[in-house]
Amino acid sequence: QPGKLCFRADWHTKSGTAPALTCFSHRKKGNVIFQKREP
């Protein structure tokens, strides 16, 4: 949706692998850009 960037990845560690989804919303007011981690 407008203003939302997400990345989905399988994370690999010495203990194994697990999926994760992370999203950030972005807004602007004039030349200032705001961001927030969802949810």
PDB file of all heavy atoms in Angstrom:
ATOM      1  N   GLN A   1       0.834  -1.202   0.000  1.00  0.00           N
ATOM      2  CA  GLN A   1       0.000   0.000   0.000  1.00  0.00           C
ATOM      3  C   GLN A   1       0.870   1.255   0.000  1.00  0.00           C
ATOM      4  O   GLN A   1       2.046   1.180   0.373  1.00  0.00           O
ATOM      5  CB  GLN A   1      -0.938  -0.024   1.197  1.00  0.00           C
ATOM      6  CG  GLN A   1      -0.189  -0.221   2.488  1.00  0.00           C
ATOM      7  CD  GLN A   1      -1.069  -0.724   3.603  1.00  0.00           C
ATOM      8  OE1 GLN A   1      -1.358   0.029   4.500  1.00  0.00           O
ATOM      9  NE2 GLN A   1      -1.498  -1.969   3.544  1.00  0.00           N
ATOM     10  N   PRO A   2       0.309   2.361  -0.419  1.00  0.00           N
ATOM     11  CA  PRO A   2       1.129   3.581  -0.495  1.00  0.00           C
ATOM     12  C   PRO A   2       1.953   3.811   0.762  1.00  0.00           C
ATOM     13  O   PRO A   2       1.448   3.736   1.875  1.00  0.00           O
ATOM     14  CB  PRO A   2       0.088   4.694  -0.667  1.00  0.00           C
ATOM     15  CG  PRO A   2      -1.076   4.017  -1.322  1.00  0.00           C
ATOM     16  CD  PRO A   2      -1.079   2.611  -0.755  1.00  0.00           C
ATOM     17  N   GLY A   3       3.238   4.000   0.534  1.00  0.00           N
ATOM     18  CA  GLY A   3       4.141   4.339   1.614  1.00  0.00           C
ATOM     19  C   GLY A   3       4.716   3.188   2.403  1.00  0.00           C
ATOM     20  O   GLY A   3       5.422   3.404   3.375  1.00  0.00           O
ATOM     21  N   LYS A   4       4.449   1.952   2.017  1.00  0.00           N
ATOM     22  CA  LYS A   4       4.905   0.815   2.823  1.00  0.00           C
ATOM     23  C   LYS A   4       5.899  -0.048   2.061  1.00  0.00           C
ATOM     24  O   LYS A   4       5.617  -0.552   0.990  1.00  0.00           O
ATOM     25  CB  LYS A   4       3.708  -0.024   3.244  1.00  0.00           C
ATOM     26  CG  LYS A   4       4.001  -1.010   4.337  1.00  0.00           C
ATOM     27  CD  LYS A   4       2.686  -1.610   4.822  1.00  0.00           C
ATOM     28  CE  LYS A   4       2.877  -2.568   5.946  1.00  0.00           C
ATOM     29  NZ  LYS A   4       1.576  -3.136   6.364  1.00  0.00           N
ATOM     30  N   LEU A   5       7.083  -0.230   2.654  1.00  0.00           N
ATOM     31  CA  LEU A   5       8.139  -1.078   2.111  1.00  0.00           C
ATOM     32  C   LEU A   5       8.302  -2.271   3.045  1.00  0.00           C
ATOM     33  O   LEU A   5       8.351  -2.107   4.264  1.00  0.00           O
ATOM     34  CB  LEU A   5       9.461  -0.304   2.064  1.00  0.00           C
ATOM     35  CG  LEU A   5      10.685  -1.172   1.758  1.00  0.00           C
ATOM     36  CD1 LEU A   5      10.943  -1.166   0.263  1.00  0.00           C
ATOM     37  CD2 LEU A   5      11.887  -0.686   2.524  1.00  0.00           C
ATOM     38  N   CYS A   6       8.372  -3.469   2.468  1.00  0.00           N
ATOM     39  CA  CYS A   6       8.557  -4.683   3.270  1.00  0.00           C
ATOM     40  C   CYS A   6       9.692  -5.517   2.704  1.00  0.00           C
ATOM     41  O   CYS A   6       9.988  -5.443   1.516  1.00  0.00           O
ATOM     42  CB  CYS A   6       7.285  -5.538   3.250  1.00  0.00           C
ATOM     43  SG  CYS A   6       5.832  -4.733   3.950  1.00  0.00           S
ATOM     44  N   PHE A   7      10.310  -6.296   3.563  1.00  0.00           N
ATOM     45  CA  PHE A   7      11.244  -7.307   3.106  1.00  0.00           C
ATOM     46  C   PHE A   7      11.002  -8.588   3.879  1.00  0.00           C
ATOM     47  O   PHE A   7      10.777  -8.589   5.076  1.00  0.00           O
ATOM     48  CB  PHE A   7      12.714  -6.871   3.158  1.00  0.00           C
ATOM     49  CG  PHE A   7      13.141  -6.047   4.337  1.00  0.00           C
ATOM     50  CD1 PHE A   7      13.783  -6.626   5.422  1.00  0.00           C
ATOM     51  CD2 PHE A   7      12.948  -4.675   4.344  1.00  0.00           C
ATOM     52  CE1 PHE A   7      14.210  -5.864   6.489  1.00  0.00           C
ATOM     53  CE2 PHE A   7      13.373  -3.900   5.410  1.00  0.00           C
ATOM     54  CZ  PHE A   7      14.000  -4.498   6.491  1.00  0.00           C
ATOM     55  N   ARG A   8      10.975  -9.676   3.113  1.00  0.00           N
ATOM     56  CA  ARG A   8      10.762 -11.019   3.666  1.00  0.00           C
ATOM     57  C   ARG A   8      12.024 -11.808   3.373  1.00  0.00           C
ATOM     58  O   ARG A   8      12.496 -11.832   2.245  1.00  0.00           O
ATOM     59  CB  ARG A   8       9.561 -11.678   2.989  1.00  0.00           C
ATOM     60  CG  ARG A   8       9.285 -13.094   3.470  1.00  0.00           C
ATOM     61  CD  ARG A   8       8.071 -13.701   2.771  1.00  0.00           C
ATOM     62  NE  ARG A   8       6.860 -13.010   3.176  1.00  0.00           N
ATOM     63  CZ  ARG A   8       6.018 -12.407   2.342  1.00  0.00           C
ATOM     64  NH1 ARG A   8       6.241 -12.416   1.045  1.00  0.00           N
ATOM     65  NH2 ARG A   8       4.943 -11.799   2.780  1.00  0.00           N
ATOM     66  N   ALA A   9      12.566 -12.451   4.414  1.00  0.00           N
ATOM     67  CA  ALA A   9      13.805 -13.207   4.217  1.00  0.00           C
ATOM     68  C   ALA A   9      13.838 -14.431   5.107  1.00  0.00           C
ATOM     69  O   ALA A   9      13.228 -14.449   6.175  1.00  0.00           O
ATOM     70  CB  ALA A   9      15.014 -12.314   4.523  1.00  0.00           C
ATOM     71  N   ASP A  10      14.557 -15.435   4.644  1.00  0.00           N
ATOM     72  CA  ASP A  10      14.890 -16.586   5.470  1.00  0.00           C
ATOM     73  C   ASP A  10      16.219 -16.263   6.129  1.00  0.00           C
ATOM     74  O   ASP A  10      17.223 -16.011   5.440  1.00  0.00           O
ATOM     75  CB  ASP A  10      15.015 -17.857   4.621  1.00  0.00           C
ATOM     76  CG  ASP A  10      13.670 -18.349   4.131  1.00  0.00           C
ATOM     77  OD1 ASP A  10      12.646 -18.136   4.822  1.00  0.00           O
ATOM     78  OD2 ASP A  10      13.626 -18.942   3.041  1.00  0.00           O
ATOM     79  N   TRP A  11      16.219 -16.245   7.461  1.00  0.00           N
ATOM     80  CA  TRP A  11      17.419 -15.914   8.221  1.00  0.00           C
ATOM     81  C   TRP A  11      18.133 -17.176   8.646  1.00  0.00           C
ATOM     82  O   TRP A  11      17.530 -18.096   9.190  1.00  0.00           O
ATOM     83  CB  TRP A  11      17.061 -15.041   9.430  1.00  0.00           C
ATOM     84  CG  TRP A  11      16.863 -13.637   9.007  1.00  0.00           C
ATOM     85  CD1 TRP A  11      15.711 -13.057   8.566  1.00  0.00           C
ATOM     86  CD2 TRP A  11      17.877 -12.645   8.914  1.00  0.00           C
ATOM     87  NE1 TRP A  11      15.956 -11.749   8.219  1.00  0.00           N
ATOM     88  CE2 TRP A  11      17.265 -11.473   8.422  1.00  0.00           C
ATOM     89  CE3 TRP A  11      19.237 -12.636   9.200  1.00  0.00           C
ATOM     90  CZ2 TRP A  11      17.978 -10.298   8.213  1.00  0.00           C
ATOM     91  CZ3 TRP A  11      19.942 -11.457   8.998  1.00  0.00           C
ATOM     92  CH2 TRP A  11      19.308 -10.314   8.508  1.00  0.00           C
ATOM     93  N   HIS A  12      19.414 -17.195   8.389  1.00  0.00           N
ATOM     94  CA  HIS A  12      20.257 -18.356   8.669  1.00  0.00           C
ATOM     95  C   HIS A  12      21.198 -18.018   9.823  1.00  0.00           C
ATOM     96  O   HIS A  12      21.915 -17.022   9.768  1.00  0.00           O
ATOM     97  CB  HIS A  12      21.081 -18.732   7.430  1.00  0.00           C
ATOM     98  CG  HIS A  12      20.227 -18.983   6.227  1.00  0.00           C
ATOM     99  ND1 HIS A  12      19.832 -20.245   5.843  1.00  0.00           N
ATOM    100  CD2 HIS A  12      19.664 -18.128   5.331  1.00  0.00           C
ATOM    101  CE1 HIS A  12      19.079 -20.169   4.766  1.00  0.00           C
ATOM    102  NE2 HIS A  12      18.963 -18.889   4.430  1.00  0.00           N
ATOM    103  N   THR A  13      21.165 -18.867  10.846  1.00  0.00           N
ATOM    104  CA  THR A  13      22.056 -18.725  11.997  1.00  0.00           C
ATOM    105  C   THR A  13      22.700 -20.078  12.251  1.00  0.00           C
ATOM    106  O   THR A  13      22.349 -21.068  11.607  1.00  0.00           O
ATOM    107  CB  THR A  13      21.288 -18.297  13.267  1.00  0.00           C
ATOM    108  OG1 THR A  13      20.469 -19.384  13.701  1.00  0.00           O
ATOM    109  CG2 THR A  13      20.439 -17.062  13.028  1.00  0.00           C
ATOM    110  N   LYS A  14      23.599 -20.135  13.219  1.00  0.00           N
ATOM    111  CA  LYS A  14      24.221 -21.428  13.528  1.00  0.00           C
ATOM    112  C   LYS A  14      23.196 -22.409  14.084  1.00  0.00           C
ATOM    113  O   LYS A  14      23.394 -23.614  14.031  1.00  0.00           O
ATOM    114  CB  LYS A  14      25.394 -21.256  14.485  1.00  0.00           C
ATOM    115  CG  LYS A  14      25.008 -20.811  15.884  1.00  0.00           C
ATOM    116  CD  LYS A  14      26.221 -20.691  16.764  1.00  0.00           C
ATOM    117  CE  LYS A  14      25.813 -20.261  18.163  1.00  0.00           C
ATOM    118  NZ  LYS A  14      26.948 -20.162  19.059  1.00  0.00           N
ATOM    119  N   SER A  15      22.054 -21.912  14.569  1.00  0.00           N
ATOM    120  CA  SER A  15      21.011 -22.781  15.126  1.00  0.00           C
ATOM    121  C   SER A  15      19.996 -23.257  14.102  1.00  0.00           C
ATOM    122  O   SER A  15      19.170 -24.101  14.409  1.00  0.00           O
ATOM    123  CB  SER A  15      20.265 -22.046  16.238  1.00  0.00           C
ATOM    124  OG  SER A  15      21.149 -21.640  17.234  1.00  0.00           O
ATOM    125  N   GLY A  16      20.007 -22.678  12.918  1.00  0.00           N
ATOM    126  CA  GLY A  16      19.033 -23.074  11.902  1.00  0.00           C
ATOM    127  C   GLY A  16      18.568 -21.898  11.067  1.00  0.00           C
ATOM    128  O   GLY A  16      19.209 -20.851  11.030  1.00  0.00           O
ATOM    129  N   THR A  17      17.415 -22.091  10.423  1.00  0.00           N
ATOM    130  CA  THR A  17      16.867 -21.085   9.520  1.00  0.00           C
ATOM    131  C   THR A  17      15.430 -20.784   9.916  1.00  0.00           C
ATOM    132  O   THR A  17      14.680 -21.689  10.272  1.00  0.00           O
ATOM    133  CB  THR A  17      16.889 -21.602   8.071  1.00  0.00           C
ATOM    134  OG1 THR A  17      18.239 -21.945   7.740  1.00  0.00           O
ATOM    135  CG2 THR A  17      16.395 -20.562   7.090  1.00  0.00           C
ATOM    136  N   ALA A  18      15.051 -19.506   9.834  1.00  0.00           N
ATOM    137  CA  ALA A  18      13.685 -19.101  10.149  1.00  0.00           C
ATOM    138  C   ALA A  18      13.287 -17.912   9.281  1.00  0.00           C
ATOM    139  O   ALA A  18      14.122 -17.056   8.972  1.00  0.00           O
ATOM    140  CB  ALA A  18      13.573 -18.731  11.619  1.00  0.00           C
ATOM    141  N   PRO A  19      12.022 -17.852   8.884  1.00  0.00           N
ATOM    142  CA  PRO A  19      11.549 -16.735   8.067  1.00  0.00           C
ATOM    143  C   PRO A  19      11.224 -15.510   8.924  1.00  0.00           C
ATOM    144  O   PRO A  19      10.885 -15.648  10.103  1.00  0.00           O
ATOM    145  CB  PRO A  19      10.281 -17.290   7.418  1.00  0.00           C
ATOM    146  CG  PRO A  19       9.760 -18.261   8.434  1.00  0.00           C
ATOM    147  CD  PRO A  19      10.983 -18.865   9.080  1.00  0.00           C
ATOM    148  N   ALA A  20      11.333 -14.331   8.334  1.00  0.00           N
ATOM    149  CA  ALA A  20      10.950 -13.090   9.009  1.00  0.00           C
ATOM    150  C   ALA A  20      10.430 -12.105   7.972  1.00  0.00           C
ATOM    151  O   ALA A  20      10.942 -12.042   6.859  1.00  0.00           O
ATOM    152  CB  ALA A  20      12.139 -12.495   9.749  1.00  0.00           C
ATOM    153  N   LEU A  21       9.405 -11.376   8.346  1.00  0.00           N
ATOM    154  CA  LEU A  21       8.838 -10.315   7.518  1.00  0.00           C
ATOM    155  C   LEU A  21       8.931  -9.024   8.304  1.00  0.00           C
ATOM    156  O   LEU A  21       8.523  -8.975   9.469  1.00  0.00           O
ATOM    157  CB  LEU A  21       7.376 -10.618   7.179  1.00  0.00           C
ATOM    158  CG  LEU A  21       6.594  -9.490   6.498  1.00  0.00           C
ATOM    159  CD1 LEU A  21       7.128  -9.246   5.091  1.00  0.00           C
ATOM    160  CD2 LEU A  21       5.107  -9.814   6.457  1.00  0.00           C
ATOM    161  N   THR A  22       9.480  -7.985   7.698  1.00  0.00           N
ATOM    162  CA  THR A  22       9.608  -6.683   8.334  1.00  0.00           C
ATOM    163  C   THR A  22       9.095  -5.622   7.381  1.00  0.00           C
ATOM    164  O   THR A  22       9.421  -5.641   6.191  1.00  0.00           O
ATOM    165  CB  THR A  22      11.083  -6.384   8.691  1.00  0.00           C
ATOM    166  OG1 THR A  22      11.573  -7.449   9.516  1.00  0.00           O
ATOM    167  CG2 THR A  22      11.224  -5.070   9.422  1.00  0.00           C
ATOM    168  N   CYS A  23       8.299  -4.682   7.901  1.00  0.00           N
ATOM    169  CA  CYS A  23       7.733  -3.619   7.066  1.00  0.00           C
ATOM    170  C   CYS A  23       7.952  -2.262   7.730  1.00  0.00           C
ATOM    171  O   CYS A  23       7.962  -2.151   8.961  1.00  0.00           O
ATOM    172  CB  CYS A  23       6.238  -3.838   6.853  1.00  0.00           C
ATOM    173  SG  CYS A  23       5.836  -5.338   5.938  1.00  0.00           S
ATOM    174  N   PHE A  24       8.103  -1.254   6.898  1.00  0.00           N
ATOM    175  CA  PHE A  24       8.227   0.125   7.336  1.00  0.00           C
ATOM    176  C   PHE A  24       7.269   0.988   6.531  1.00  0.00           C
ATOM    177  O   PHE A  24       7.188   0.861   5.313  1.00  0.00           O
ATOM    178  CB  PHE A  24       9.654   0.660   7.110  1.00  0.00           C
ATOM    179  CG  PHE A  24      10.668   0.066   8.027  1.00  0.00           C
ATOM    180  CD1 PHE A  24      11.330  -1.101   7.682  1.00  0.00           C
ATOM    181  CD2 PHE A  24      10.975   0.677   9.233  1.00  0.00           C
ATOM    182  CE1 PHE A  24      12.273  -1.657   8.524  1.00  0.00           C
ATOM    183  CE2 PHE A  24      11.915   0.120  10.085  1.00  0.00           C
ATOM    184  CZ  PHE A  24      12.570  -1.045   9.732  1.00  0.00           C
ATOM    185  N   SER A  25       6.556   1.872   7.222  1.00  0.00           N
ATOM    186  CA  SER A  25       5.706   2.848   6.547  1.00  0.00           C
ATOM    187  C   SER A  25       6.479   4.145   6.417  1.00  0.00           C
ATOM    188  O   SER A  25       7.315   4.470   7.268  1.00  0.00           O
ATOM    189  CB  SER A  25       4.412   3.085   7.336  1.00  0.00           C
ATOM    190  OG  SER A  25       3.562   1.969   7.216  1.00  0.00           O
ATOM    191  N   HIS A  26       6.190   4.884   5.346  1.00  0.00           N
ATOM    192  CA  HIS A  26       6.874   6.148   5.055  1.00  0.00           C
ATOM    193  C   HIS A  26       5.837   7.208   4.704  1.00  0.00           C
ATOM    194  O   HIS A  26       4.912   6.933   3.944  1.00  0.00           O
ATOM    195  CB  HIS A  26       7.807   5.984   3.848  1.00  0.00           C
ATOM    196  CG  HIS A  26       8.880   4.973   4.052  1.00  0.00           C
ATOM    197  ND1 HIS A  26       8.645   3.616   4.022  1.00  0.00           N
ATOM    198  CD2 HIS A  26      10.212   5.124   4.281  1.00  0.00           C
ATOM    199  CE1 HIS A  26       9.790   2.973   4.226  1.00  0.00           C
ATOM    200  NE2 HIS A  26      10.747   3.860   4.386  1.00  0.00           N
ATOM    201  N   ARG A  27       6.025   8.399   5.244  1.00  0.00           N
ATOM    202  CA  ARG A  27       5.168   9.546   4.916  1.00  0.00           C
ATOM    203  C   ARG A  27       6.051  10.768   4.719  1.00  0.00           C
ATOM    204  O   ARG A  27       7.178  10.816   5.200  1.00  0.00           O
ATOM    205  CB  ARG A  27       4.169   9.823   6.044  1.00  0.00           C
ATOM    206  CG  ARG A  27       3.142   8.728   6.236  1.00  0.00           C
ATOM    207  CD  ARG A  27       2.169   9.102   7.311  1.00  0.00           C
ATOM    208  NE  ARG A  27       1.138   8.094   7.453  1.00  0.00           N
ATOM    209  CZ  ARG A  27       0.168   8.167   8.328  1.00  0.00           C
ATOM    210  NH1 ARG A  27       0.091   9.205   9.143  1.00  0.00           N
ATOM    211  NH2 ARG A  27      -0.738   7.217   8.396  1.00  0.00           N
ATOM    212  N   LYS A  28       5.476  11.751   4.026  1.00  0.00           N
ATOM    213  CA  LYS A  28       6.245  12.983   3.832  1.00  0.00           C
ATOM    214  C   LYS A  28       5.366  14.193   4.111  1.00  0.00           C
ATOM    215  O   LYS A  28       4.149  14.174   3.909  1.00  0.00           O
ATOM    216  CB  LYS A  28       6.821  13.065   2.421  1.00  0.00           C
ATOM    217  CG  LYS A  28       5.773  13.190   1.338  1.00  0.00           C
ATOM    218  CD  LYS A  28       6.418  13.286  -0.035  1.00  0.00           C
ATOM    219  CE  LYS A  28       5.315  13.321  -1.086  1.00  0.00           C
ATOM    220  NZ  LYS A  28       5.824  13.436  -2.427  1.00  0.00           N
ATOM    221  N   LYS A  29       6.018  15.209   4.578  1.00  0.00           N
ATOM    222  CA  LYS A  29       5.383  16.504   4.793  1.00  0.00           C
ATOM    223  C   LYS A  29       6.400  17.529   4.334  1.00  0.00           C
ATOM    224  O   LYS A  29       7.456  17.667   4.946  1.00  0.00           O
ATOM    225  CB  LYS A  29       5.023  16.700   6.257  1.00  0.00           C
ATOM    226  CG  LYS A  29       4.150  17.892   6.506  1.00  0.00           C
ATOM    227  CD  LYS A  29       3.609  17.866   7.916  1.00  0.00           C
ATOM    228  CE  LYS A  29       2.476  18.854   8.025  1.00  0.00           C
ATOM    229  NZ  LYS A  29       1.879  18.786   9.354  1.00  0.00           N
ATOM    230  N   GLY A  30       6.104  18.166   3.204  1.00  0.00           N
ATOM    231  CA  GLY A  30       7.096  19.046   2.601  1.00  0.00           C
ATOM    232  C   GLY A  30       8.268  18.211   2.147  1.00  0.00           C
ATOM    233  O   GLY A  30       8.096  17.203   1.464  1.00  0.00           O
ATOM    234  N   ASN A  31       9.474  18.578   2.569  1.00  0.00           N
ATOM    235  CA  ASN A  31      10.676  17.825   2.206  1.00  0.00           C
ATOM    236  C   ASN A  31      11.165  16.916   3.326  1.00  0.00           C
ATOM    237  O   ASN A  31      12.298  16.437   3.291  1.00  0.00           O
ATOM    238  CB  ASN A  31      11.797  18.789   1.800  1.00  0.00           C
ATOM    239  CG  ASN A  31      11.481  19.480   0.490  1.00  0.00           C
ATOM    240  OD1 ASN A  31      10.871  18.886  -0.383  1.00  0.00           O
ATOM    241  ND2 ASN A  31      11.877  20.729   0.368  1.00  0.00           N
ATOM    242  N   VAL A  32      10.328  16.682   4.331  1.00  0.00           N
ATOM    243  CA  VAL A  32      10.681  15.804   5.441  1.00  0.00           C
ATOM    244  C   VAL A  32       9.996  14.460   5.224  1.00  0.00           C
ATOM    245  O   VAL A  32       8.810  14.402   4.907  1.00  0.00           O
ATOM    246  CB  VAL A  32      10.250  16.411   6.795  1.00  0.00           C
ATOM    247  CG1 VAL A  32      10.526  15.449   7.938  1.00  0.00           C
ATOM    248  CG2 VAL A  32      10.956  17.738   7.027  1.00  0.00           C
ATOM    249  N   ILE A  33      10.753  13.373   5.387  1.00  0.00           N
ATOM    250  CA  ILE A  33      10.201  12.024   5.272  1.00  0.00           C
ATOM    251  C   ILE A  33      10.222  11.381   6.648  1.00  0.00           C
ATOM    252  O   ILE A  33      11.233  11.417   7.348  1.00  0.00           O
ATOM    253  CB  ILE A  33      11.002  11.158   4.271  1.00  0.00           C
ATOM    254  CG1 ILE A  33      10.929  11.766   2.873  1.00  0.00           C
ATOM    255  CG2 ILE A  33      10.463   9.727   4.259  1.00  0.00           C
ATOM    256  CD1 ILE A  33      11.790  11.053   1.840  1.00  0.00           C
ATOM    257  N   PHE A  34       9.083  10.805   7.030  1.00  0.00           N
ATOM    258  CA  PHE A  34       8.938  10.095   8.296  1.00  0.00           C
ATOM    259  C   PHE A  34       8.915   8.603   8.019  1.00  0.00           C
ATOM    260  O   PHE A  34       8.529   8.168   6.938  1.00  0.00           O
ATOM    261  CB  PHE A  34       7.633  10.491   8.985  1.00  0.00           C
ATOM    262  CG  PHE A  34       7.538  11.947   9.299  1.00  0.00           C
ATOM    263  CD1 PHE A  34       6.947  12.826   8.403  1.00  0.00           C
ATOM    264  CD2 PHE A  34       8.016  12.457  10.501  1.00  0.00           C
ATOM    265  CE1 PHE A  34       6.850  14.181   8.683  1.00  0.00           C
ATOM    266  CE2 PHE A  34       7.920  13.803  10.795  1.00  0.00           C
ATOM    267  CZ  PHE A  34       7.338  14.675   9.887  1.00  0.00           C
ATOM    268  N   GLN A  35       9.298   7.822   9.019  1.00  0.00           N
ATOM    269  CA  GLN A  35       9.281   6.372   8.878  1.00  0.00           C
ATOM    270  C   GLN A  35       8.833   5.775  10.204  1.00  0.00           C
ATOM    271  O   GLN A  35       9.047   6.358  11.265  1.00  0.00           O
ATOM    272  CB  GLN A  35      10.687   5.860   8.536  1.00  0.00           C
ATOM    273  CG  GLN A  35      10.757   4.362   8.276  1.00  0.00           C
ATOM    274  CD  GLN A  35      12.178   3.905   8.044  1.00  0.00           C
ATOM    275  OE1 GLN A  35      12.999   3.921   8.952  1.00  0.00           O
ATOM    276  NE2 GLN A  35      12.473   3.483   6.831  1.00  0.00           N
ATOM    277  N   LYS A  36       8.206   4.598  10.115  1.00  0.00           N
ATOM    278  CA  LYS A  36       7.863   3.856  11.326  1.00  0.00           C
ATOM    279  C   LYS A  36       7.879   2.384  11.010  1.00  0.00           C
ATOM    280  O   LYS A  36       7.461   1.948   9.942  1.00  0.00           O
ATOM    281  CB  LYS A  36       6.516   4.325  11.858  1.00  0.00           C
ATOM    282  CG  LYS A  36       5.438   3.343  11.921  1.00  0.00           C
ATOM    283  CD  LYS A  36       4.161   3.920  12.483  1.00  0.00           C
ATOM    284  CE  LYS A  36       3.045   2.955  12.169  1.00  0.00           C
ATOM    285  NZ  LYS A  36       1.954   3.048  13.101  1.00  0.00           N
ATOM    286  N   ARG A  37       8.401   1.608  11.928  1.00  0.00           N
ATOM    287  CA  ARG A  37       8.403   0.156  11.771  1.00  0.00           C
ATOM    288  C   ARG A  37       7.002  -0.351  12.087  1.00  0.00           C
ATOM    289  O   ARG A  37       6.398   0.048  13.085  1.00  0.00           O
ATOM    290  CB  ARG A  37       9.431  -0.476  12.694  1.00  0.00           C
ATOM    291  CG  ARG A  37       9.508  -1.973  12.475  1.00  0.00           C
ATOM    292  CD  ARG A  37      10.729  -2.551  13.109  1.00  0.00           C
ATOM    293  NE  ARG A  37      10.739  -3.986  12.888  1.00  0.00           N
ATOM    294  CZ  ARG A  37      11.764  -4.735  13.127  1.00  0.00           C
ATOM    295  NH1 ARG A  37      12.869  -4.207  13.562  1.00  0.00           N
ATOM    296  NH2 ARG A  37      11.703  -6.029  12.921  1.00  0.00           N
ATOM    297  N   GLU A  38       6.495  -1.209  11.221  1.00  0.00           N
ATOM    298  CA  GLU A  38       5.162  -1.777  11.419  1.00  0.00           C
ATOM    299  C   GLU A  38       5.266  -3.056  12.239  1.00  0.00           C
ATOM    300  O   GLU A  38       6.284  -3.733  12.189  1.00  0.00           O
ATOM    301  CB  GLU A  38       4.516  -2.068  10.054  1.00  0.00           C
ATOM    302  CG  GLU A  38       4.214  -0.824   9.235  1.00  0.00           C
ATOM    303  CD  GLU A  38       3.162   0.067   9.869  1.00  0.00           C
ATOM    304  OE1 GLU A  38       2.442  -0.363  10.819  1.00  0.00           O
ATOM    305  OE2 GLU A  38       3.042   1.209   9.431  1.00  0.00           O
ATOM    306  N   PRO A  39       4.281  -3.405  12.991  1.00  0.00           N
ATOM    307  CA  PRO A  39       2.986  -2.744  13.058  1.00  0.00           C
ATOM    308  C   PRO A  39       2.881  -1.703  14.161  1.00  0.00           C
ATOM    309  O   PRO A  39       1.985  -0.856  14.138  1.00  0.00           O
ATOM    310  CB  PRO A  39       2.021  -3.898  13.351  1.00  0.00           C
ATOM    311  CG  PRO A  39       2.828  -4.844  14.192  1.00  0.00           C
ATOM    312  CD  PRO A  39       4.247  -4.720  13.672  1.00  0.00           C
TER     313      PRO A  39
END
